[in-house]
Amino acid sequence: MSDETVRPVHLRRIDPTHNMRRFYTLSIQPTLFGGASLVRNWGRIGAKGQSMMVTFDESADAGHALIQLERAKRKRGYCDAGVRRRK
């Protein structure tokens, strides 16, 4: 798996009953030394939020980590940014 096959992921979790409006973004960026970095951004919608970068020697490892994080966030109730959930 290369970083060209994994697209950036934009997720949202909106729950008006708990005053929750969160975003979570995952993307892979190449490094100068041939590896790849997994960049994570998260926070409240409308705010700058926080970010974290983890560097991997192989782009396949970064793609694997992105997929695992995406699955974990979807289990917690996050969904695609363009999709609205009905309750």
PDB file of N, CA and C in Angstrom:
ATOM      1  N   MET A   1       0.852  -1.172   0.000  1.00  0.00           N
ATOM      2  CA  MET A   1       0.000   0.000   0.000  1.00  0.00           C
ATOM      3  C   MET A   1       0.890   1.224   0.000  1.00  0.00           C
ATOM      4  N   SER A   2       0.685   2.139  -0.927  1.00  0.00           N
ATOM      5  CA  SER A   2       1.463   3.368  -0.970  1.00  0.00           C
ATOM      6  C   SER A   2       0.596   4.534  -0.533  1.00  0.00           C
ATOM      7  N   ASP A   3       1.267   5.653  -0.255  1.00  0.00           N
ATOM      8  CA  ASP A   3       0.508   6.805   0.221  1.00  0.00           C
ATOM      9  C   ASP A   3      -0.356   7.422  -0.873  1.00  0.00           C
ATOM     10  N   GLU A   4      -0.135   7.043  -2.154  1.00  0.00           N
ATOM     11  CA  GLU A   4      -0.998   7.552  -3.228  1.00  0.00           C
ATOM     12  C   GLU A   4      -2.370   6.876  -3.200  1.00  0.00           C
ATOM     13  N   THR A   5      -2.467   5.673  -2.642  1.00  0.00           N
ATOM     14  CA  THR A   5      -3.736   4.959  -2.627  1.00  0.00           C
ATOM     15  C   THR A   5      -4.610   5.354  -1.437  1.00  0.00           C
ATOM     16  N   VAL A   6      -4.035   6.006  -0.438  1.00  0.00           N
ATOM     17  CA  VAL A   6      -4.796   6.401   0.741  1.00  0.00           C
ATOM     18  C   VAL A   6      -5.080   7.898   0.657  1.00  0.00           C
ATOM     19  N   ARG A   7      -6.348   8.231   0.591  1.00  0.00           N
ATOM     20  CA  ARG A   7      -6.744   9.632   0.492  1.00  0.00           C
ATOM     21  C   ARG A   7      -6.925  10.238   1.873  1.00  0.00           C
ATOM     22  N   PRO A   8      -6.857  11.560   1.960  1.00  0.00           N
ATOM     23  CA  PRO A   8      -7.122  12.208   3.254  1.00  0.00           C
ATOM     24  C   PRO A   8      -8.537  11.889   3.733  1.00  0.00           C
ATOM     25  N   VAL A   9      -8.698  11.778   5.035  1.00  0.00           N
ATOM     26  CA  VAL A   9      -9.978  11.433   5.642  1.00  0.00           C
ATOM     27  C   VAL A   9     -10.460  12.620   6.461  1.00  0.00           C
ATOM     28  N   HIS A  10     -11.700  13.055   6.210  1.00  0.00           N
ATOM     29  CA  HIS A  10     -12.308  14.159   6.952  1.00  0.00           C
ATOM     30  C   HIS A  10     -13.557  13.619   7.644  1.00  0.00           C
ATOM     31  N   LEU A  11     -13.533  13.576   8.968  1.00  0.00           N
ATOM     32  CA  LEU A  11     -14.648  13.031   9.741  1.00  0.00           C
ATOM     33  C   LEU A  11     -15.227  14.095  10.657  1.00  0.00           C
ATOM     34  N   ARG A  12     -16.513  13.919  10.980  1.00  0.00           N
ATOM     35  CA  ARG A  12     -17.196  14.812  11.920  1.00  0.00           C
ATOM     36  C   ARG A  12     -18.043  14.000  12.872  1.00  0.00           C
ATOM     37  N   ARG A  13     -18.220  14.554  14.058  1.00  0.00           N
ATOM     38  CA  ARG A  13     -19.125  13.957  15.036  1.00  0.00           C
ATOM     39  C   ARG A  13     -19.946  15.092  15.632  1.00  0.00           C
ATOM     40  N   ILE A  14     -21.225  15.087  15.323  1.00  0.00           N
ATOM     41  CA  ILE A  14     -22.128  16.150  15.779  1.00  0.00           C
ATOM     42  C   ILE A  14     -23.246  15.519  16.588  1.00  0.00           C
ATOM     43  N   ASP A  15     -23.391  15.974  17.826  1.00  0.00           N
ATOM     44  CA  ASP A  15     -24.439  15.491  18.713  1.00  0.00           C
ATOM     45  C   ASP A  15     -25.002  16.692  19.469  1.00  0.00           C
ATOM     46  N   PRO A  16     -26.112  17.270  18.980  1.00  0.00           N
ATOM     47  CA  PRO A  16     -26.672  18.466  19.623  1.00  0.00           C
ATOM     48  C   PRO A  16     -27.109  18.237  21.070  1.00  0.00           C
ATOM     49  N   THR A  17     -27.477  17.013  21.414  1.00  0.00           N
ATOM     50  CA  THR A  17     -27.927  16.762  22.783  1.00  0.00           C
ATOM     51  C   THR A  17     -26.791  16.916  23.790  1.00  0.00           C
ATOM     52  N   HIS A  18     -25.554  16.712  23.345  1.00  0.00           N
ATOM     53  CA  HIS A  18     -24.392  16.866  24.217  1.00  0.00           C
ATOM     54  C   HIS A  18     -23.551  18.094  23.850  1.00  0.00           C
ATOM     55  N   ASN A  19     -24.085  18.973  23.010  1.00  0.00           N
ATOM     56  CA  ASN A  19     -23.369  20.165  22.549  1.00  0.00           C
ATOM     57  C   ASN A  19     -21.996  19.785  21.971  1.00  0.00           C
ATOM     58  N   MET A  20     -21.987  18.742  21.147  1.00  0.00           N
ATOM     59  CA  MET A  20     -20.750  18.216  20.591  1.00  0.00           C
ATOM     60  C   MET A  20     -20.706  18.473  19.086  1.00  0.00           C
ATOM     61  N   ARG A  21     -19.658  19.160  18.643  1.00  0.00           N
ATOM     62  CA  ARG A  21     -19.423  19.404  17.220  1.00  0.00           C
ATOM     63  C   ARG A  21     -17.918  19.286  17.000  1.00  0.00           C
ATOM     64  N   ARG A  22     -17.457  18.084  16.656  1.00  0.00           N
ATOM     65  CA  ARG A  22     -16.033  17.814  16.538  1.00  0.00           C
ATOM     66  C   ARG A  22     -15.647  17.400  15.124  1.00  0.00           C
ATOM     67  N   PHE A  23     -14.385  17.649  14.786  1.00  0.00           N
ATOM     68  CA  PHE A  23     -13.844  17.193  13.514  1.00  0.00           C
ATOM     69  C   PHE A  23     -12.583  16.386  13.770  1.00  0.00           C
ATOM     70  N   TYR A  24     -12.236  15.550  12.808  1.00  0.00           N
ATOM     71  CA  TYR A  24     -11.011  14.757  12.884  1.00  0.00           C
ATOM     72  C   TYR A  24     -10.527  14.545  11.458  1.00  0.00           C
ATOM     73  N   THR A  25      -9.299  14.923  11.172  1.00  0.00           N
ATOM     74  CA  THR A  25      -8.743  14.817   9.828  1.00  0.00           C
ATOM     75  C   THR A  25      -7.457  14.005   9.872  1.00  0.00           C
ATOM     76  N   LEU A  26      -7.316  13.086   8.925  1.00  0.00           N
ATOM     77  CA  LEU A  26      -6.118  12.260   8.790  1.00  0.00           C
ATOM     78  C   LEU A  26      -5.572  12.408   7.379  1.00  0.00           C
ATOM     79  N   SER A  27      -4.268  12.591   7.249  1.00  0.00           N
ATOM     80  CA  SER A  27      -3.655  12.659   5.924  1.00  0.00           C
ATOM     81  C   SER A  27      -2.223  12.144   5.997  1.00  0.00           C
ATOM     82  N   ILE A  28      -1.698  11.743   4.864  1.00  0.00           N
ATOM     83  CA  ILE A  28      -0.324  11.255   4.765  1.00  0.00           C
ATOM     84  C   ILE A  28       0.461  12.217   3.892  1.00  0.00           C
ATOM     85  N   GLN A  29       1.637  12.607   4.390  1.00  0.00           N
ATOM     86  CA  GLN A  29       2.513  13.503   3.642  1.00  0.00           C
ATOM     87  C   GLN A  29       3.886  12.854   3.525  1.00  0.00           C
ATOM     88  N   PRO A  30       4.518  12.960   2.357  1.00  0.00           N
ATOM     89  CA  PRO A  30       5.861  12.386   2.206  1.00  0.00           C
ATOM     90  C   PRO A  30       6.889  13.187   3.006  1.00  0.00           C
ATOM     91  N   THR A  31       7.948  12.510   3.433  1.00  0.00           N
ATOM     92  CA  THR A  31       9.044  13.183   4.132  1.00  0.00           C
ATOM     93  C   THR A  31      10.203  13.384   3.167  1.00  0.00           C
ATOM     94  N   LEU A  32      11.181  14.146   3.580  1.00  0.00           N
ATOM     95  CA  LEU A  32      12.343  14.414   2.735  1.00  0.00           C
ATOM     96  C   LEU A  32      13.238  13.194   2.572  1.00  0.00           C
ATOM     97  N   PHE A  33      13.118  12.224   3.465  1.00  0.00           N
ATOM     98  CA  PHE A  33      14.022  11.088   3.465  1.00  0.00           C
ATOM     99  C   PHE A  33      13.378   9.816   2.924  1.00  0.00           C
ATOM    100  N   GLY A  34      12.278   9.933   2.195  1.00  0.00           N
ATOM    101  CA  GLY A  34      11.654   8.785   1.564  1.00  0.00           C
ATOM    102  C   GLY A  34      10.605   8.081   2.399  1.00  0.00           C
ATOM    103  N   GLY A  35      10.356   8.528   3.593  1.00  0.00           N
ATOM    104  CA  GLY A  35       9.324   7.944   4.443  1.00  0.00           C
ATOM    105  C   GLY A  35       8.002   8.670   4.255  1.00  0.00           C
ATOM    106  N   ALA A  36       7.147   8.546   5.240  1.00  0.00           N
ATOM    107  CA  ALA A  36       5.846   9.211   5.191  1.00  0.00           C
ATOM    108  C   ALA A  36       5.445   9.607   6.603  1.00  0.00           C
ATOM    109  N   SER A  37       4.701  10.697   6.698  1.00  0.00           N
ATOM    110  CA  SER A  37       4.202  11.161   7.984  1.00  0.00           C
ATOM    111  C   SER A  37       2.685  11.112   7.988  1.00  0.00           C
ATOM    112  N   LEU A  38       2.129  10.619   9.075  1.00  0.00           N
ATOM    113  CA  LEU A  38       0.688  10.624   9.277  1.00  0.00           C
ATOM    114  C   LEU A  38       0.359  11.873  10.086  1.00  0.00           C
ATOM    115  N   VAL A  39      -0.438  12.760   9.496  1.00  0.00           N
ATOM    116  CA  VAL A  39      -0.797  14.019  10.136  1.00  0.00           C
ATOM    117  C   VAL A  39      -2.236  13.923  10.607  1.00  0.00           C
ATOM    118  N   ARG A  40      -2.444  14.177  11.897  1.00  0.00           N
ATOM    119  CA  ARG A  40      -3.773  14.122  12.509  1.00  0.00           C
ATOM    120  C   ARG A  40      -4.134  15.510  13.022  1.00  0.00           C
ATOM    121  N   ASN A  41      -5.336  15.982  12.675  1.00  0.00           N
ATOM    122  CA  ASN A  41      -5.871  17.242  13.187  1.00  0.00           C
ATOM    123  C   ASN A  41      -7.234  16.958  13.797  1.00  0.00           C
ATOM    124  N   TRP A  42      -7.500  17.544  14.961  1.00  0.00           N
ATOM    125  CA  TRP A  42      -8.789  17.322  15.603  1.00  0.00           C
ATOM    126  C   TRP A  42      -9.146  18.510  16.475  1.00  0.00           C
ATOM    127  N   GLY A  43     -10.447  18.627  16.759  1.00  0.00           N
ATOM    128  CA  GLY A  43     -10.909  19.694  17.633  1.00  0.00           C
ATOM    129  C   GLY A  43     -12.374  19.990  17.416  1.00  0.00           C
ATOM    130  N   ARG A  44     -12.804  21.104  17.990  1.00  0.00           N
ATOM    131  CA  ARG A  44     -14.177  21.549  17.850  1.00  0.00           C
ATOM    132  C   ARG A  44     -14.342  22.251  16.513  1.00  0.00           C
ATOM    133  N   ILE A  45     -15.433  21.984  15.826  1.00  0.00           N
ATOM    134  CA  ILE A  45     -15.688  22.613  14.532  1.00  0.00           C
ATOM    135  C   ILE A  45     -15.755  24.128  14.735  1.00  0.00           C
ATOM    136  N   GLY A  46     -15.022  24.862  13.914  1.00  0.00           N
ATOM    137  CA  GLY A  46     -14.963  26.311  14.013  1.00  0.00           C
ATOM    138  C   GLY A  46     -13.735  26.809  14.751  1.00  0.00           C
ATOM    139  N   ALA A  47     -13.009  25.900  15.398  1.00  0.00           N
ATOM    140  CA  ALA A  47     -11.781  26.260  16.108  1.00  0.00           C
ATOM    141  C   ALA A  47     -10.581  25.681  15.358  1.00  0.00           C
ATOM    142  N   LYS A  48      -9.403  26.161  15.690  1.00  0.00           N
ATOM    143  CA  LYS A  48      -8.188  25.678  15.045  1.00  0.00           C
ATOM    144  C   LYS A  48      -7.906  24.219  15.388  1.00  0.00           C
ATOM    145  N   GLY A  49      -8.114  23.852  16.618  1.00  0.00           N
ATOM    146  CA  GLY A  49      -7.902  22.477  17.035  1.00  0.00           C
ATOM    147  C   GLY A  49      -6.440  22.172  17.317  1.00  0.00           C
ATOM    148  N   GLN A  50      -6.139  20.900  17.412  1.00  0.00           N
ATOM    149  CA  GLN A  50      -4.796  20.426  17.700  1.00  0.00           C
ATOM    150  C   GLN A  50      -4.301  19.563  16.555  1.00  0.00           C
ATOM    151  N   SER A  51      -2.998  19.331  16.531  1.00  0.00           N
ATOM    152  CA  SER A  51      -2.454  18.463  15.486  1.00  0.00           C
ATOM    153  C   SER A  51      -1.311  17.628  16.052  1.00  0.00           C
ATOM    154  N   MET A  52      -1.082  16.504  15.379  1.00  0.00           N
ATOM    155  CA  MET A  52      -0.002  15.595  15.757  1.00  0.00           C
ATOM    156  C   MET A  52       0.538  14.956  14.488  1.00  0.00           C
ATOM    157  N   MET A  53       1.860  14.800  14.427  1.00  0.00           N
ATOM    158  CA  MET A  53       2.481  14.171  13.274  1.00  0.00           C
ATOM    159  C   MET A  53       3.329  12.993  13.750  1.00  0.00           C
ATOM    160  N   VAL A  54       3.143  11.836  13.107  1.00  0.00           N
ATOM    161  CA  VAL A  54       3.929  10.643  13.402  1.00  0.00           C
ATOM    162  C   VAL A  54       4.618  10.234  12.112  1.00  0.00           C
ATOM    163  N   THR A  55       5.940  10.046  12.169  1.00  0.00           N
ATOM    164  CA  THR A  55       6.718   9.727  10.981  1.00  0.00           C
ATOM    165  C   THR A  55       7.040   8.231  10.929  1.00  0.00           C
ATOM    166  N   PHE A  56       6.911   7.661   9.739  1.00  0.00           N
ATOM    167  CA  PHE A  56       7.180   6.251   9.490  1.00  0.00           C
ATOM    168  C   PHE A  56       8.256   6.118   8.427  1.00  0.00           C
ATOM    169  N   ASP A  57       9.051   5.050   8.507  1.00  0.00           N
ATOM    170  CA  ASP A  57      10.083   4.802   7.498  1.00  0.00           C
ATOM    171  C   ASP A  57       9.473   4.370   6.172  1.00  0.00           C
ATOM    172  N   GLU A  58       8.358   3.654   6.226  1.00  0.00           N
ATOM    173  CA  GLU A  58       7.693   3.153   5.023  1.00  0.00           C
ATOM    174  C   GLU A  58       6.311   3.799   4.889  1.00  0.00           C
ATOM    175  N   SER A  59       5.957   4.157   3.664  1.00  0.00           N
ATOM    176  CA  SER A  59       4.645   4.765   3.442  1.00  0.00           C
ATOM    177  C   SER A  59       3.523   3.762   3.695  1.00  0.00           C
ATOM    178  N   ALA A  60       3.807   2.476   3.503  1.00  0.00           N
ATOM    179  CA  ALA A  60       2.791   1.445   3.763  1.00  0.00           C
ATOM    180  C   ALA A  60       2.425   1.419   5.246  1.00  0.00           C
ATOM    181  N   ASP A  61       3.396   1.627   6.118  1.00  0.00           N
ATOM    182  CA  ASP A  61       3.127   1.656   7.555  1.00  0.00           C
ATOM    183  C   ASP A  61       2.249   2.855   7.919  1.00  0.00           C
ATOM    184  N   ALA A  62       2.494   3.981   7.287  1.00  0.00           N
ATOM    185  CA  ALA A  62       1.671   5.171   7.527  1.00  0.00           C
ATOM    186  C   ALA A  62       0.241   4.936   7.045  1.00  0.00           C
ATOM    187  N   GLY A  63       0.086   4.274   5.911  1.00  0.00           N
ATOM    188  CA  GLY A  63      -1.248   3.948   5.398  1.00  0.00           C
ATOM    189  C   GLY A  63      -1.986   3.003   6.318  1.00  0.00           C
ATOM    190  N   HIS A  64      -1.272   2.045   6.868  1.00  0.00           N
ATOM    191  CA  HIS A  64      -1.867   1.100   7.827  1.00  0.00           C
ATOM    192  C   HIS A  64      -2.356   1.836   9.076  1.00  0.00           C
ATOM    193  N   ALA A  65      -1.534   2.733   9.587  1.00  0.00           N
ATOM    194  CA  ALA A  65      -1.896   3.494  10.780  1.00  0.00           C
ATOM    195  C   ALA A  65      -3.113   4.384  10.511  1.00  0.00           C
ATOM    196  N   LEU A  66      -3.173   4.992   9.324  1.00  0.00           N
ATOM    197  CA  LEU A  66      -4.316   5.830   8.970  1.00  0.00           C
ATOM    198  C   LEU A  66      -5.601   5.011   8.968  1.00  0.00           C
ATOM    199  N   ILE A  67      -5.557   3.834   8.372  1.00  0.00           N
ATOM    200  CA  ILE A  67      -6.749   2.984   8.298  1.00  0.00           C
ATOM    201  C   ILE A  67      -7.202   2.564   9.693  1.00  0.00           C
ATOM    202  N   GLN A  68      -6.259   2.215  10.557  1.00  0.00           N
ATOM    203  CA  GLN A  68      -6.612   1.814  11.925  1.00  0.00           C
ATOM    204  C   GLN A  68      -7.241   2.968  12.704  1.00  0.00           C
ATOM    205  N   LEU A  69      -6.684   4.163  12.575  1.00  0.00           N
ATOM    206  CA  LEU A  69      -7.248   5.319  13.273  1.00  0.00           C
ATOM    207  C   LEU A  69      -8.635   5.667  12.733  1.00  0.00           C
ATOM    208  N   GLU A  70      -8.801   5.564  11.412  1.00  0.00           N
ATOM    209  CA  GLU A  70     -10.112   5.842  10.827  1.00  0.00           C
ATOM    210  C   GLU A  70     -11.163   4.874  11.366  1.00  0.00           C
ATOM    211  N   ARG A  71     -10.832   3.599  11.435  1.00  0.00           N
ATOM    212  CA  ARG A  71     -11.775   2.611  11.970  1.00  0.00           C
ATOM    213  C   ARG A  71     -12.138   2.920  13.419  1.00  0.00           C
ATOM    214  N   ALA A  72     -11.136   3.270  14.215  1.00  0.00           N
ATOM    215  CA  ALA A  72     -11.381   3.569  15.628  1.00  0.00           C
ATOM    216  C   ALA A  72     -12.305   4.774  15.778  1.00  0.00           C
ATOM    217  N   LYS A  73     -12.108   5.799  14.978  1.00  0.00           N
ATOM    218  CA  LYS A  73     -12.948   7.003  15.061  1.00  0.00           C
ATOM    219  C   LYS A  73     -14.371   6.710  14.589  1.00  0.00           C
ATOM    220  N   ARG A  74     -14.515   5.911  13.548  1.00  0.00           N
ATOM    221  CA  ARG A  74     -15.860   5.556  13.077  1.00  0.00           C
ATOM    222  C   ARG A  74     -16.613   4.748  14.127  1.00  0.00           C
ATOM    223  N   LYS A  75     -15.913   3.893  14.875  1.00  0.00           N
ATOM    224  CA  LYS A  75     -16.559   3.154  15.956  1.00  0.00           C
ATOM    225  C   LYS A  75     -17.048   4.080  17.063  1.00  0.00           C
ATOM    226  N   ARG A  76     -16.385   5.221  17.233  1.00  0.00           N
ATOM    227  CA  ARG A  76     -16.771   6.175  18.269  1.00  0.00           C
ATOM    228  C   ARG A  76     -17.873   7.127  17.807  1.00  0.00           C
ATOM    229  N   GLY A  77     -18.337   6.981  16.569  1.00  0.00           N
ATOM    230  CA  GLY A  77     -19.463   7.780  16.104  1.00  0.00           C
ATOM    231  C   GLY A  77     -19.130   8.829  15.072  1.00  0.00           C
ATOM    232  N   TYR A  78     -17.888   8.929  14.653  1.00  0.00           N
ATOM    233  CA  TYR A  78     -17.526   9.889  13.604  1.00  0.00           C
ATOM    234  C   TYR A  78     -17.993   9.356  12.258  1.00  0.00           C
ATOM    235  N   CYS A  79     -18.397  10.263  11.370  1.00  0.00           N
ATOM    236  CA  CYS A  79     -18.797   9.870  10.020  1.00  0.00           C
ATOM    237  C   CYS A  79     -18.211  10.874   9.035  1.00  0.00           C
ATOM    238  N   ASP A  80     -18.336  10.591   7.744  1.00  0.00           N
ATOM    239  CA  ASP A  80     -17.786  11.479   6.720  1.00  0.00           C
ATOM    240  C   ASP A  80     -18.336  12.884   6.871  1.00  0.00           C
ATOM    241  N   ALA A  81     -17.507  13.868   6.552  1.00  0.00           N
ATOM    242  CA  ALA A  81     -17.871  15.264   6.757  1.00  0.00           C
ATOM    243  C   ALA A  81     -19.102  15.677   5.953  1.00  0.00           C
ATOM    244  N   GLY A  82     -19.295  15.113   4.762  1.00  0.00           N
ATOM    245  CA  GLY A  82     -20.416  15.500   3.920  1.00  0.00           C
ATOM    246  C   GLY A  82     -21.719  14.782   4.214  1.00  0.00           C
ATOM    247  N   VAL A  83     -21.690  13.812   5.140  1.00  0.00           N
ATOM    248  CA  VAL A  83     -22.863  12.985   5.425  1.00  0.00           C
ATOM    249  C   VAL A  83     -23.497  13.441   6.729  1.00  0.00           C
ATOM    250  N   ARG A  84     -24.812  13.607   6.702  1.00  0.00           N
ATOM    251  CA  ARG A  84     -25.530  13.960   7.925  1.00  0.00           C
ATOM    252  C   ARG A  84     -26.197  12.723   8.486  1.00  0.00           C
ATOM    253  N   ARG A  85     -26.049  12.529   9.783  1.00  0.00           N
ATOM    254  CA  ARG A  85     -26.668  11.378  10.446  1.00  0.00           C
ATOM    255  C   ARG A  85     -28.001  11.785  11.030  1.00  0.00           C
ATOM    256  N   ARG A  86     -28.958  10.896  10.908  1.00  0.00           N
ATOM    257  CA  ARG A  86     -30.273  11.135  11.496  1.00  0.00           C
ATOM    258  C   ARG A  86     -30.386  10.356  12.782  1.00  0.00           C
ATOM    259  N   LYS A  87     -31.031  10.974  13.747  1.00  0.00           N
ATOM    260  CA  LYS A  87     -31.212  10.306  15.049  1.00  0.00           C
ATOM    261  C   LYS A  87     -32.655  10.043  15.305  1.00  0.00           C
TER     262      LYS A  87
END
